[in-house]
Amino acid sequence: MKVFLLTFISIFHLVVSQNECLPATCGPYAPLVRFPFWIKGHQPEHCGYPGFGLSCNESTADLDLQFPVTASTTNVMLPLNMTVAVWNIDYKAQKMLVNYVRPRSCLPEKLPTVNSSASPIFEAEAIGYGEGSTLFNCSNAANYEKVACLSSRRYKVIDYGSVYDITSLPPYSSCFKMYSISYVPDRALTGGDDESGSRFYLKWSRPCCDKCEAQGDYCRLENSSAAEETECFTPQHATTGASTNHKPLAAGITAGIILLAFTVIASFFIFKVLKRRREDNKRIENAVKNHKDMRPRRYSYADVKRLTNNFKQKLSHEALHKGKLTDGTPVAVKVLDASQQDNEGFISEVEIIGGMQHANILQLIGYCIDGRRRALIYEFMQGGTLVDLVLSPENQNHAVGREKQHQIALGIAQGVEYVHQESAHKFLNLVWNPQSILLDRYFNPKIIVSTTSADEGASQYTAPELFSSSSNIIPQNAYAYGFGMLLLDMVGTSVGIYSRGDDISEVRFPEWLFREVEEREEWKLNESVKKLLIVGVWCIQWFPSDRLSMKAVIEMLQQQAMPANAMPLYPFHLNTQN
């Protein structure tokens, strides 16, 4: 009875809302909006095509999009999000006239080796000059507008049109080329007021509605298509006669029958999902029985919520929370996202991590596997995180001295080498985010080792080869890269390169740090600082085979002094090629 009631309510709603997708506008100066476009907040999503939603901003129509910009040499698509004002839409030619660019993201500092996950929907067509440009990093470019999101106090990144001769670069300045890009509209990189900026066209090829428009019809999504296919139809204002009044009712009855069939099918699949969930719980219990003697204790998700007081206190990042066991022992709880990893694999890795006993590995004392919910429970360290006490410019040379930083680096290296030896057959997840490396009250580092199901996301500590689809990745080399980036961060803080109030994320790339330290007369540097710098640079070599093994890292850190020729000449030449 409930199914039939739901069906007739849906039919009534369909008939009442028949006009919700009629052409509309944001104001007297805004274009007429119809499929594939739709107005957010005024029309439902099914009135348009994915990615074509417009927002009314006073009397203009704004569009959020990923701009189609590519690196000229590698043809890699770069992620650049912006908002534009739409002034005219030519539905037959499938293009629109836009301007008033407002950037919502920034180009990357380094050229990625693979395309961004999302492909742009639109293609840009410049009006007038449409050549690309080149990004230069200049130490002195006072008369040039800077790309603010890529620049810092010490240098400017400028967007230099490819049509200009390179001799026109700022005189008496030190500039080096970052990479070249295809056409990007005015102000998309430099920001500022672009209300009267140059106009350009955005074209789209999908959905393809030119045939419908050519014969005087409109275009819309097919009701029965799950692949976002379109169909032609005659708009209501072009029809005449009494038969027009019966179309909404016929459409409603048809939709009701479809909805009824959908309800029956959905009920069947819900039953299947519930059955599968019961089977999954049974498999979990069987997997736990196979490891009944494992050391970490199992907790339910309700237990995890209770001991963290419903995840009330966050630690270094959103996934790590402070909790307390029933006996008052403080713990750190890492919540994992729903994983595709099988139950047996997860529990096997938990058993490996729980069995690790090392002074520089954070001890795993419990875990949660409750349906799709998973969590890891670690011992809690009172000394804070690595970023709080070592990498913070406000604490440089106060809480932790340079010699103690050297001991922290050596402890991390020994912990990494231990993980590699204990799990040589598996690629366990070393959490390279420095906020997840904890320190005890004596500043001894403790590394969090997580399961491979914990996706920490990309960061500057992620080895470049992990972005590729290659299956020949050697964990030891990837570990070395993340460790090397940590060492360079510690060097930058130790020698005072990061000034108080700086945004460290703007200057923490290794090329800049290498040049900064190399040009100082402090090759009179403290020996322990010089040692961290040299080892860090060796660890972040572009080719994984050129990096030091963690065993070699430990040996170099334990040496009294470094050889005079230990520093590589310049390890970043691949990033400055044309």
Protein backbone atom coordinates (compact mmCIF):
# COMPACT_ATOMS: atom_id res chain seq x y z
CA MET A 1 0.00 0.00 0.00
CA LYS A 2 2.85 2.38 0.83
CA VAL A 3 4.45 1.69 -2.54
CA PHE A 4 1.26 2.63 -4.42
CA LEU A 5 0.76 5.73 -2.26
CA LEU A 6 4.31 6.83 -3.00
CA THR A 7 3.70 6.25 -6.71
CA PHE A 8 0.56 8.45 -6.88
CA ILE A 9 2.18 11.19 -4.80
CA SER A 10 5.07 11.20 -7.27
CA ILE A 11 2.65 11.42 -10.23
CA PHE A 12 0.90 14.40 -8.61
CA HIS A 13 4.22 16.11 -7.95
CA LEU A 14 5.31 15.57 -11.56
CA VAL A 15 2.11 17.13 -12.93
CA VAL A 16 2.31 20.14 -10.58
CA SER A 17 5.99 20.78 -11.33
CA GLN A 18 5.69 20.54 -15.13
CA ASN A 19 6.87 24.15 -15.61
CA GLU A 20 9.96 24.02 -13.41
CA CYS A 21 12.34 23.58 -16.37
CA LEU A 22 10.97 26.37 -18.55
CA PRO A 23 13.56 28.93 -19.83
CA ALA A 24 14.48 31.50 -17.17
CA THR A 25 16.90 34.39 -16.64
CA CYS A 26 18.85 36.04 -13.81
CA GLY A 27 18.00 39.60 -14.85
CA PRO A 28 17.42 42.04 -17.73
CA TYR A 29 21.08 41.90 -18.82
CA ALA A 30 21.59 38.18 -18.30
CA PRO A 31 21.06 35.59 -21.07
CA LEU A 32 18.05 33.31 -21.40
CA VAL A 33 18.87 30.08 -19.57
CA ARG A 34 17.69 26.71 -20.82
CA PHE A 35 19.16 23.25 -21.35
CA PRO A 36 22.04 22.37 -21.04
CA PHE A 37 22.21 25.23 -18.51
CA TRP A 38 20.11 25.53 -15.35
CA ILE A 39 19.91 28.09 -12.53
CA LYS A 40 21.03 26.86 -9.12
CA GLY A 41 18.55 27.52 -6.33
CA HIS A 42 15.73 28.13 -8.80
CA GLN A 43 15.60 24.96 -10.86
CA PRO A 44 16.30 21.29 -10.08
CA GLU A 45 19.49 19.71 -11.41
CA HIS A 46 17.68 17.51 -13.93
CA CYS A 47 16.72 20.67 -15.87
CA GLY A 48 20.34 20.93 -17.07
CA TYR A 49 23.46 18.97 -17.77
CA PRO A 50 26.20 18.21 -15.16
CA GLY A 51 28.70 21.08 -14.96
CA PHE A 52 26.36 23.66 -16.55
CA GLY A 53 24.79 25.08 -13.37
CA LEU A 54 24.61 28.91 -13.27
CA SER A 55 24.36 31.09 -10.16
CA CYS A 56 22.48 34.40 -10.18
CA ASN A 57 24.75 37.21 -8.90
CA GLU A 58 22.60 40.34 -8.79
CA SER A 59 21.75 40.77 -12.51
CA THR A 60 24.45 38.51 -13.95
CA ALA A 61 24.75 34.75 -14.39
CA ASP A 62 27.95 33.22 -12.97
CA LEU A 63 29.47 29.89 -13.99
CA ASP A 64 32.00 27.89 -11.94
CA LEU A 65 34.30 25.80 -14.12
CA GLN A 66 37.66 24.15 -14.50
CA PHE A 67 39.47 26.22 -17.13
CA PRO A 68 41.06 24.20 -19.97
CA VAL A 69 44.75 25.09 -19.48
CA THR A 70 47.58 22.73 -20.45
CA ALA A 71 51.34 22.68 -20.05
CA SER A 72 52.75 23.45 -23.50
CA THR A 73 55.63 20.99 -23.43
CA THR A 74 54.00 17.94 -21.86
CA ASN A 75 50.36 18.62 -22.81
CA VAL A 76 49.39 17.73 -19.24
CA MET A 77 46.06 19.23 -18.19
CA LEU A 78 46.52 21.56 -15.21
CA PRO A 79 43.77 22.11 -12.60
CA LEU A 80 42.68 25.79 -12.59
CA ASN A 81 39.24 26.62 -11.23
CA MET A 82 37.56 29.98 -11.82
CA THR A 83 34.22 31.78 -11.90
CA VAL A 84 33.15 33.79 -14.97
CA ALA A 85 30.17 35.99 -15.83
CA VAL A 86 28.08 34.71 -18.76
CA TRP A 87 26.79 37.50 -21.05
CA ASN A 88 25.47 35.69 -24.09
CA ILE A 89 24.71 32.04 -24.99
CA ASP A 90 24.58 30.86 -28.60
CA TYR A 91 22.76 27.52 -28.30
CA LYS A 92 23.08 26.67 -32.01
CA ALA A 93 26.85 27.26 -32.14
CA GLN A 94 27.21 25.78 -28.60
CA LYS A 95 29.34 28.58 -27.25
CA MET A 96 28.95 31.49 -24.81
CA LEU A 97 30.55 34.92 -24.36
CA VAL A 98 32.05 35.43 -20.89
CA ASN A 99 34.30 37.79 -18.90
CA TYR A 100 34.83 39.05 -15.32
CA VAL A 101 37.19 36.22 -14.36
CA ARG A 102 37.55 35.39 -10.65
CA PRO A 103 40.12 32.66 -9.89
CA ARG A 104 39.22 30.06 -7.27
CA SER A 105 42.45 28.03 -7.32
CA CYS A 106 46.08 28.34 -8.37
CA LEU A 107 48.39 26.61 -10.81
CA PRO A 108 50.79 24.10 -9.24
CA GLU A 109 54.35 25.12 -8.28
CA LYS A 110 55.68 22.05 -10.02
CA LEU A 111 54.53 20.56 -13.27
CA PRO A 112 52.60 17.31 -12.61
CA THR A 113 53.44 14.24 -14.61
CA VAL A 114 49.85 13.07 -15.04
CA ASN A 115 46.58 14.80 -15.91
CA SER A 116 44.27 16.05 -13.18
CA SER A 117 41.47 13.67 -12.31
CA ALA A 118 38.72 15.84 -13.83
CA SER A 119 38.74 16.85 -17.51
CA PRO A 120 37.45 20.33 -18.43
CA ILE A 121 33.96 20.51 -19.91
CA PHE A 122 34.63 23.64 -21.94
CA GLU A 123 37.13 24.76 -24.59
CA ALA A 124 38.39 28.36 -24.56
CA GLU A 125 38.45 30.60 -27.64
CA ALA A 126 40.25 33.92 -27.24
CA ILE A 127 39.09 37.15 -28.88
CA GLY A 128 42.26 38.72 -30.26
CA TYR A 129 45.52 37.58 -28.66
CA GLY A 130 45.24 33.93 -27.81
CA GLU A 131 48.83 32.75 -27.51
CA GLY A 132 50.03 31.07 -24.36
CA SER A 133 52.47 32.34 -21.77
CA THR A 134 55.37 31.26 -19.60
CA LEU A 135 55.70 31.38 -15.81
CA PHE A 136 59.01 32.81 -14.58
CA ASN A 137 60.33 32.91 -11.01
CA CYS A 138 62.13 36.25 -10.59
CA SER A 139 63.94 37.71 -7.61
CA ASN A 140 63.44 41.29 -8.89
CA ALA A 141 60.43 42.15 -11.06
CA ALA A 142 59.02 45.30 -9.51
CA ASN A 143 57.18 46.51 -12.64
CA TYR A 144 55.42 43.24 -13.33
CA GLU A 145 52.22 41.98 -11.80
CA LYS A 146 52.84 38.84 -9.84
CA VAL A 147 50.95 35.57 -9.67
CA ALA A 148 50.10 36.14 -6.03
CA CYS A 149 49.30 32.56 -5.09
CA LEU A 150 52.71 31.33 -6.36
CA SER A 151 54.82 34.27 -5.11
CA SER A 152 56.29 35.07 -1.71
CA ARG A 153 58.15 37.94 -0.06
CA ARG A 154 61.47 36.89 -1.56
CA TYR A 155 60.49 36.36 -5.17
CA LYS A 156 57.78 36.97 -7.74
CA VAL A 157 56.26 34.53 -10.16
CA ILE A 158 55.23 36.45 -13.30
CA ASP A 159 53.01 35.40 -16.22
CA TYR A 160 55.01 36.39 -19.34
CA GLY A 161 53.27 36.32 -22.73
CA SER A 162 54.90 33.97 -25.24
CA VAL A 163 54.63 36.65 -27.94
CA TYR A 164 57.22 38.79 -26.18
CA ASP A 165 60.98 38.35 -26.57
CA ILE A 166 62.76 36.92 -23.55
CA THR A 167 65.18 39.88 -23.60
CA SER A 168 62.29 42.02 -22.36
CA LEU A 169 62.40 40.36 -18.95
CA PRO A 170 63.14 42.70 -16.03
CA PRO A 171 66.79 43.90 -16.15
CA TYR A 172 69.18 43.12 -13.34
CA SER A 173 66.93 40.34 -12.13
CA SER A 174 67.46 36.65 -11.64
CA CYS A 175 64.67 34.76 -13.41
CA PHE A 176 64.32 31.12 -14.18
CA LYS A 177 61.63 29.43 -16.21
CA MET A 178 59.06 27.29 -14.40
CA TYR A 179 56.94 26.06 -17.33
CA SER A 180 54.83 27.25 -20.27
CA ILE A 181 51.03 27.12 -20.42
CA SER A 182 48.29 27.56 -23.00
CA TYR A 183 45.99 30.61 -23.16
CA VAL A 184 44.62 31.86 -19.82
CA PRO A 185 42.39 35.01 -19.70
CA ASP A 186 43.44 38.30 -18.11
CA ARG A 187 43.46 38.36 -14.30
CA ALA A 188 42.91 34.62 -13.99
CA LEU A 189 46.41 34.32 -12.53
CA THR A 190 47.26 37.83 -11.28
CA GLY A 191 43.86 38.41 -9.65
CA GLY A 192 42.55 41.93 -9.03
CA ASP A 193 39.48 43.70 -10.42
CA ASP A 194 38.52 42.22 -13.79
CA GLU A 195 34.98 43.56 -14.07
CA SER A 196 35.86 45.28 -17.32
CA GLY A 197 38.36 42.61 -18.42
CA SER A 198 38.65 41.22 -21.91
CA ARG A 199 35.93 38.88 -23.12
CA PHE A 200 36.42 35.42 -24.57
CA TYR A 201 34.33 32.45 -25.68
CA LEU A 202 33.76 29.11 -24.00
CA LYS A 203 32.60 26.29 -26.27
CA TRP A 204 31.21 22.88 -25.42
CA SER A 205 30.81 19.72 -27.48
CA ARG A 206 28.82 17.61 -25.01
CA PRO A 207 25.89 17.49 -24.72
CA CYS A 208 25.47 17.75 -28.49
CA CYS A 209 22.23 19.62 -29.13
CA ASP A 210 23.07 21.35 -32.43
CA LYS A 211 20.80 19.06 -34.46
CA CYS A 212 17.82 19.81 -32.21
CA GLU A 213 18.49 23.56 -32.38
CA ALA A 214 18.92 23.47 -36.15
CA GLN A 215 15.38 22.11 -36.62
CA GLY A 216 13.85 24.58 -34.17
CA ASP A 217 13.51 22.15 -31.25
CA TYR A 218 14.96 22.15 -27.76
CA CYS A 219 17.18 19.57 -26.08
CA ARG A 220 16.82 17.73 -22.76
CA LEU A 221 18.00 14.62 -20.89
CA GLU A 222 16.26 11.36 -21.70
CA ASN A 223 14.16 10.21 -18.75
CA SER A 224 15.04 6.55 -19.28
CA SER A 225 18.76 7.05 -19.91
CA ALA A 226 21.33 6.35 -17.23
CA ALA A 227 24.20 7.58 -19.42
CA GLU A 228 23.11 11.25 -19.57
CA GLU A 229 21.95 10.97 -23.18
CA THR A 230 19.81 13.73 -24.72
CA GLU A 231 16.70 13.89 -26.91
CA CYS A 232 14.96 16.56 -28.98
CA PHE A 233 11.51 17.89 -28.09
CA THR A 234 9.21 20.68 -29.23
CA PRO A 235 8.83 23.45 -26.62
CA GLN A 236 5.34 24.05 -25.21
CA HIS A 237 5.04 27.58 -26.56
CA ALA A 238 5.38 26.12 -30.12
CA THR A 239 2.43 23.72 -29.80
CA THR A 240 -1.26 24.47 -30.34
CA GLY A 241 -4.57 22.72 -29.90
CA ALA A 242 -6.38 20.97 -27.07
CA SER A 243 -3.99 18.04 -27.08
CA THR A 244 -1.43 20.17 -25.27
CA ASN A 245 -3.37 19.98 -22.02
CA HIS A 246 -3.13 16.19 -21.95
CA LYS A 247 0.65 15.97 -22.30
CA PRO A 248 1.52 16.64 -18.63
CA LEU A 249 -0.99 14.02 -17.44
CA ALA A 250 0.29 11.44 -19.92
CA ALA A 251 3.84 12.21 -18.91
CA GLY A 252 2.87 11.89 -15.25
CA ILE A 253 1.19 8.50 -15.73
CA THR A 254 4.17 7.22 -17.69
CA ALA A 255 6.53 8.47 -15.01
CA GLY A 256 4.36 6.85 -12.33
CA ILE A 257 4.57 3.46 -14.02
CA ILE A 258 8.32 3.85 -14.35
CA LEU A 259 8.54 4.88 -10.69
CA LEU A 260 6.49 1.88 -9.62
CA ALA A 261 8.83 -0.45 -11.49
CA PHE A 262 11.79 1.38 -9.99
CA THR A 263 10.35 0.97 -6.47
CA VAL A 264 10.00 -2.79 -6.92
CA ILE A 265 13.54 -3.06 -8.25
CA ALA A 266 14.90 -0.82 -5.49
CA SER A 267 13.20 -2.95 -2.82
CA PHE A 268 14.86 -6.01 -4.29
CA PHE A 269 18.29 -4.40 -4.21
CA ILE A 270 17.77 -3.13 -0.65
CA PHE A 271 17.06 -6.69 0.39
CA LYS A 272 20.23 -7.80 -1.39
CA VAL A 273 22.28 -5.07 0.35
CA LEU A 274 21.01 -6.06 3.80
CA LYS A 275 21.76 -9.68 3.05
CA ARG A 276 25.27 -8.81 1.86
CA ARG A 277 25.84 -6.74 5.01
CA ARG A 278 24.96 -9.73 7.20
CA GLU A 279 27.33 -11.87 5.16
CA ASP A 280 30.09 -9.24 5.50
CA ASN A 281 29.68 -9.20 9.27
CA LYS A 282 29.96 -12.96 9.30
CA ARG A 283 33.15 -12.83 7.23
CA ILE A 284 34.58 -10.22 9.60
CA GLU A 285 33.95 -12.46 12.59
CA ASN A 286 35.57 -15.40 10.81
CA ALA A 287 38.62 -13.27 9.93
CA VAL A 288 38.93 -12.14 13.55
CA LYS A 289 38.76 -15.76 14.73
CA ASN A 290 41.68 -16.59 12.42
CA HIS A 291 43.76 -14.01 14.32
CA LYS A 292 42.38 -14.55 17.80
CA ASP A 293 45.84 -14.50 19.38
CA MET A 294 46.86 -11.13 17.90
CA ARG A 295 48.03 -8.51 20.39
CA PRO A 296 45.93 -5.40 19.59
CA ARG A 297 42.52 -5.50 21.19
CA ARG A 298 39.41 -5.18 19.05
CA TYR A 299 36.88 -2.41 19.81
CA SER A 300 33.41 -1.80 18.41
CA TYR A 301 32.60 1.50 16.74
CA ALA A 302 30.38 2.36 19.71
CA ASP A 303 33.42 1.82 21.96
CA VAL A 304 35.50 4.15 19.76
CA LYS A 305 32.86 6.88 19.95
CA ARG A 306 32.63 6.46 23.72
CA LEU A 307 36.37 6.59 24.44
CA THR A 308 36.80 9.68 22.20
CA ASN A 309 33.71 11.38 23.66
CA ASN A 310 32.12 11.27 20.19
CA PHE A 311 35.35 12.53 18.52
CA LYS A 312 35.22 15.78 20.47
CA GLN A 313 38.95 16.61 20.64
CA LYS A 314 40.96 16.58 17.40
CA LEU A 315 44.72 16.31 17.45
CA SER A 316 47.00 17.11 14.50
CA HIS A 317 44.43 16.69 11.74
CA GLU A 318 40.80 15.73 11.28
CA ALA A 319 41.35 11.97 11.23
CA LEU A 320 43.30 11.82 14.54
CA HIS A 321 41.43 12.27 17.82
CA LYS A 322 42.37 12.16 21.49
CA GLY A 323 40.62 9.58 23.62
CA LYS A 324 40.78 7.86 26.98
CA LEU A 325 40.46 4.17 27.85
CA THR A 326 38.27 3.00 30.71
CA ASP A 327 41.31 2.91 33.02
CA GLY A 328 42.13 6.55 32.20
CA THR A 329 45.01 5.83 29.80
CA PRO A 330 45.12 8.53 27.08
CA VAL A 331 45.15 7.27 23.48
CA ALA A 332 45.24 8.67 19.94
CA VAL A 333 42.51 7.33 17.65
CA LYS A 334 42.90 7.39 13.87
CA VAL A 335 39.60 7.03 11.99
CA LEU A 336 39.91 5.40 8.57
CA ASP A 337 37.67 5.99 5.59
CA ALA A 338 35.50 3.19 4.27
CA SER A 339 37.98 0.97 2.46
CA GLN A 340 37.87 -1.44 -0.43
CA GLN A 341 40.51 -3.55 1.30
CA ASP A 342 39.27 -7.00 2.23
CA ASN A 343 38.74 -7.83 5.89
CA GLU A 344 41.45 -10.47 6.04
CA GLY A 345 44.03 -8.08 4.54
CA PHE A 346 43.16 -5.31 7.01
CA ILE A 347 43.34 -7.58 10.04
CA SER A 348 46.59 -9.14 8.82
CA GLU A 349 48.18 -5.70 8.54
CA VAL A 350 46.86 -4.74 11.98
CA GLU A 351 48.52 -7.86 13.37
CA ILE A 352 51.85 -6.90 11.74
CA ILE A 353 51.69 -3.32 13.05
CA GLY A 354 50.55 -4.42 16.50
CA GLY A 355 53.56 -6.74 16.73
CA MET A 356 56.07 -3.97 15.99
CA GLN A 357 58.23 -3.15 18.98
CA HIS A 358 60.62 -0.25 18.44
CA ALA A 359 61.50 2.91 20.34
CA ASN A 360 60.56 5.10 17.37
CA ILE A 361 57.29 3.41 16.33
CA LEU A 362 54.02 4.55 17.92
CA GLN A 363 52.58 1.46 19.57
CA LEU A 364 49.26 0.17 18.23
CA ILE A 365 47.14 -1.01 21.15
CA GLY A 366 43.74 -1.50 19.54
CA TYR A 367 41.68 -1.48 16.36
CA CYS A 368 38.08 -1.28 15.19
CA ILE A 369 36.47 -3.22 12.34
CA ASP A 370 32.72 -2.88 12.60
CA GLY A 371 30.97 -3.27 9.24
CA ARG A 372 32.45 -0.58 6.98
CA ARG A 373 33.82 1.42 9.92
CA ARG A 374 37.48 1.07 10.83
CA ALA A 375 39.84 2.78 13.23
CA LEU A 376 43.29 2.32 14.76
CA ILE A 377 44.05 3.12 18.41
CA TYR A 378 47.60 4.16 19.38
CA GLU A 379 49.42 5.15 22.52
CA PHE A 380 49.30 8.90 23.21
CA MET A 381 52.41 11.11 23.38
CA GLN A 382 52.42 14.17 25.65
CA GLY A 383 55.25 15.96 23.81
CA GLY A 384 53.17 17.19 20.89
CA THR A 385 53.79 16.75 17.18
CA LEU A 386 56.88 17.25 15.05
CA VAL A 387 55.42 20.31 13.36
CA ASP A 388 54.61 21.96 16.72
CA LEU A 389 58.06 21.67 18.28
CA VAL A 390 60.51 21.34 15.40
CA LEU A 391 59.04 22.73 12.17
CA SER A 392 57.33 25.81 13.62
CA PRO A 393 59.24 29.07 12.88
CA GLU A 394 57.96 30.57 16.14
CA ASN A 395 59.74 27.83 18.12
CA GLN A 396 63.00 27.74 16.16
CA ASN A 397 66.08 27.26 18.37
CA HIS A 398 64.00 27.58 21.56
CA ALA A 399 62.16 24.41 22.52
CA VAL A 400 64.48 22.12 20.55
CA GLY A 401 68.19 22.73 19.89
CA ARG A 402 70.05 21.80 16.72
CA GLU A 403 71.73 18.77 18.23
CA LYS A 404 68.39 17.51 19.50
CA GLN A 405 66.94 18.00 15.99
CA HIS A 406 69.72 15.77 14.71
CA GLN A 407 68.78 13.10 17.26
CA ILE A 408 65.11 13.39 16.23
CA ALA A 409 66.05 12.90 12.56
CA LEU A 410 68.18 9.87 13.44
CA GLY A 411 65.32 8.37 15.46
CA ILE A 412 62.88 8.80 12.58
CA ALA A 413 65.35 7.15 10.19
CA GLN A 414 65.82 4.20 12.53
CA GLY A 415 62.04 3.82 12.82
CA VAL A 416 61.60 3.87 9.05
CA GLU A 417 64.34 1.28 8.56
CA TYR A 418 62.67 -0.94 11.18
CA VAL A 419 59.32 -0.73 9.37
CA HIS A 420 60.99 -1.66 6.10
CA GLN A 421 62.67 -4.70 7.64
CA GLU A 422 59.54 -5.85 9.49
CA SER A 423 57.20 -5.52 6.51
CA ALA A 424 59.47 -6.10 3.51
CA HIS A 425 56.73 -8.03 1.72
CA LYS A 426 54.08 -5.31 2.18
CA PHE A 427 53.87 -1.57 1.48
CA LEU A 428 52.52 -0.34 4.81
CA ASN A 429 51.40 3.27 5.03
CA LEU A 430 54.00 5.46 6.74
CA VAL A 431 52.18 8.68 7.63
CA TRP A 432 54.62 11.31 6.35
CA ASN A 433 52.50 14.24 7.44
CA PRO A 434 54.77 15.77 10.17
CA GLN A 435 51.67 16.48 12.24
CA SER A 436 51.32 12.72 12.63
CA ILE A 437 54.85 12.15 13.94
CA LEU A 438 54.55 12.46 17.70
CA LEU A 439 57.21 13.22 20.30
CA ASP A 440 57.43 12.01 23.88
CA ARG A 441 58.39 14.26 26.75
CA TYR A 442 62.09 13.70 25.96
CA PHE A 443 61.59 14.61 22.26
CA ASN A 444 62.00 11.03 21.06
CA PRO A 445 60.05 10.67 17.78
CA LYS A 446 57.26 8.13 17.35
CA ILE A 447 56.11 7.30 13.81
CA ILE A 448 52.52 6.32 13.05
CA VAL A 449 52.38 3.21 10.88
CA SER A 450 48.95 2.70 9.36
CA THR A 451 47.34 0.14 7.06
CA THR A 452 47.42 0.47 3.29
CA SER A 453 43.67 1.21 3.42
CA ALA A 454 44.38 4.61 5.01
CA ASP A 455 44.63 7.07 2.12
CA GLU A 456 46.50 10.10 3.43
CA GLY A 457 46.27 12.00 0.12
CA ALA A 458 49.03 13.72 -1.79
CA SER A 459 51.44 16.20 -0.15
CA GLN A 460 54.94 17.52 -0.65
CA TYR A 461 56.15 14.43 1.25
CA THR A 462 54.69 12.06 -1.36
CA ALA A 463 57.28 10.50 -3.67
CA PRO A 464 56.70 11.47 -7.35
CA GLU A 465 56.55 7.85 -8.52
CA LEU A 466 53.48 7.23 -6.34
CA PHE A 467 51.49 9.41 -8.77
CA SER A 468 52.18 6.98 -11.59
CA SER A 469 50.39 3.76 -12.40
CA SER A 470 53.58 1.71 -12.28
CA SER A 471 53.55 -1.49 -10.25
CA ASN A 472 57.35 -1.49 -9.86
CA ILE A 473 57.45 0.93 -6.95
CA ILE A 474 60.03 0.11 -4.28
CA PRO A 475 58.71 1.06 -0.81
CA GLN A 476 62.20 1.77 0.51
CA ASN A 477 62.77 4.47 -2.13
CA ALA A 478 59.36 6.06 -1.53
CA TYR A 479 60.02 6.11 2.24
CA ALA A 480 63.38 7.82 1.61
CA TYR A 481 61.76 10.65 -0.38
CA GLY A 482 59.29 11.55 2.39
CA PHE A 483 62.08 11.39 4.96
CA GLY A 484 64.26 13.70 2.84
CA MET A 485 61.51 16.32 2.61
CA LEU A 486 61.18 16.23 6.41
CA LEU A 487 64.92 16.84 6.78
CA LEU A 488 64.78 19.85 4.42
CA ASP A 489 61.93 21.30 6.49
CA MET A 490 64.01 20.89 9.62
CA VAL A 491 67.00 22.58 7.94
CA GLY A 492 64.86 25.51 6.79
CA THR A 493 63.63 26.09 10.34
CA SER A 494 67.01 25.50 11.97
CA VAL A 495 68.97 28.09 9.96
CA GLY A 496 66.17 30.64 10.24
CA ILE A 497 65.19 30.72 6.55
CA TYR A 498 61.48 30.66 7.43
CA SER A 499 60.76 34.06 8.94
CA ARG A 500 58.18 34.60 11.64
CA GLY A 501 54.78 35.07 10.03
CA ASP A 502 55.76 33.45 6.71
CA ASP A 503 53.43 31.01 5.09
CA ILE A 504 55.83 28.06 5.10
CA SER A 505 53.82 26.27 2.41
CA GLU A 506 54.87 29.02 -0.05
CA VAL A 507 58.62 28.51 0.40
CA ARG A 508 58.99 24.88 1.38
CA PHE A 509 60.05 23.51 -2.00
CA PRO A 510 63.54 22.01 -2.20
CA GLU A 511 64.94 24.05 -5.12
CA TRP A 512 64.45 27.31 -3.28
CA LEU A 513 65.81 25.94 -0.02
CA PHE A 514 68.87 24.49 -1.76
CA ARG A 515 69.72 27.84 -3.37
CA GLU A 516 69.08 29.78 -0.16
CA VAL A 517 71.45 27.72 1.95
CA GLU A 518 74.04 27.33 -0.85
CA GLU A 519 74.37 31.11 -1.28
CA ARG A 520 74.88 31.77 2.42
CA GLU A 521 78.32 32.19 3.86
CA GLU A 522 77.04 29.78 6.50
CA TRP A 523 78.66 26.91 4.76
CA LYS A 524 80.15 27.80 8.09
CA LEU A 525 76.84 26.10 9.04
CA ASN A 526 76.57 24.05 12.19
CA GLU A 527 77.85 20.56 11.33
CA SER A 528 74.63 18.84 12.39
CA VAL A 529 72.56 21.21 10.23
CA LYS A 530 74.86 20.66 7.23
CA LYS A 531 74.52 16.91 7.74
CA LEU A 532 70.71 17.09 7.67
CA LEU A 533 70.80 19.20 4.50
CA ILE A 534 73.14 16.85 2.62
CA VAL A 535 71.25 13.69 3.61
CA GLY A 536 67.90 15.36 2.77
CA VAL A 537 69.02 16.35 -0.73
CA TRP A 538 70.29 12.82 -1.44
CA CYS A 539 66.96 11.36 -0.30
CA ILE A 540 64.82 13.43 -2.69
CA GLN A 541 66.65 12.63 -5.91
CA TRP A 542 64.24 12.54 -8.85
CA PHE A 543 65.20 9.00 -9.88
CA PRO A 544 64.34 6.56 -7.07
CA SER A 545 67.44 4.48 -7.74
CA ASP A 546 69.65 7.51 -6.98
CA ARG A 547 68.25 7.93 -3.45
CA LEU A 548 69.98 6.70 -0.35
CA SER A 549 68.73 3.59 1.37
CA MET A 550 67.55 4.15 4.94
CA LYS A 551 70.49 2.05 6.14
CA ALA A 552 72.90 4.43 4.36
CA VAL A 553 70.98 7.40 5.80
CA ILE A 554 71.51 6.12 9.35
CA GLU A 555 75.22 5.59 8.71
CA MET A 556 75.65 9.15 7.35
CA LEU A 557 73.74 10.69 10.26
CA GLN A 558 75.94 8.81 12.72
CA GLN A 559 79.17 10.13 11.14
CA GLN A 560 81.05 12.80 13.05
CA ALA A 561 81.52 15.00 9.95
CA MET A 562 80.49 14.94 6.29
CA PRO A 563 83.04 14.73 3.45
CA ALA A 564 83.72 17.99 1.58
CA ASN A 565 82.20 16.66 -1.67
CA ALA A 566 79.14 15.05 -0.11
CA MET A 567 76.59 17.58 -1.48
CA PRO A 568 75.17 16.88 -4.99
CA LEU A 569 75.95 19.66 -7.49
CA TYR A 570 72.32 20.50 -8.34
CA PRO A 571 69.71 17.75 -8.11
CA PHE A 572 66.72 19.61 -9.58
CA HIS A 573 67.72 20.05 -13.24
CA LEU A 574 64.65 18.14 -14.45
CA ASN A 575 62.35 20.80 -13.04
CA THR A 576 63.95 23.67 -14.97
CA GLN A 577 64.12 22.20 -18.43
CA ASN A 578 62.15 23.90 -21.23
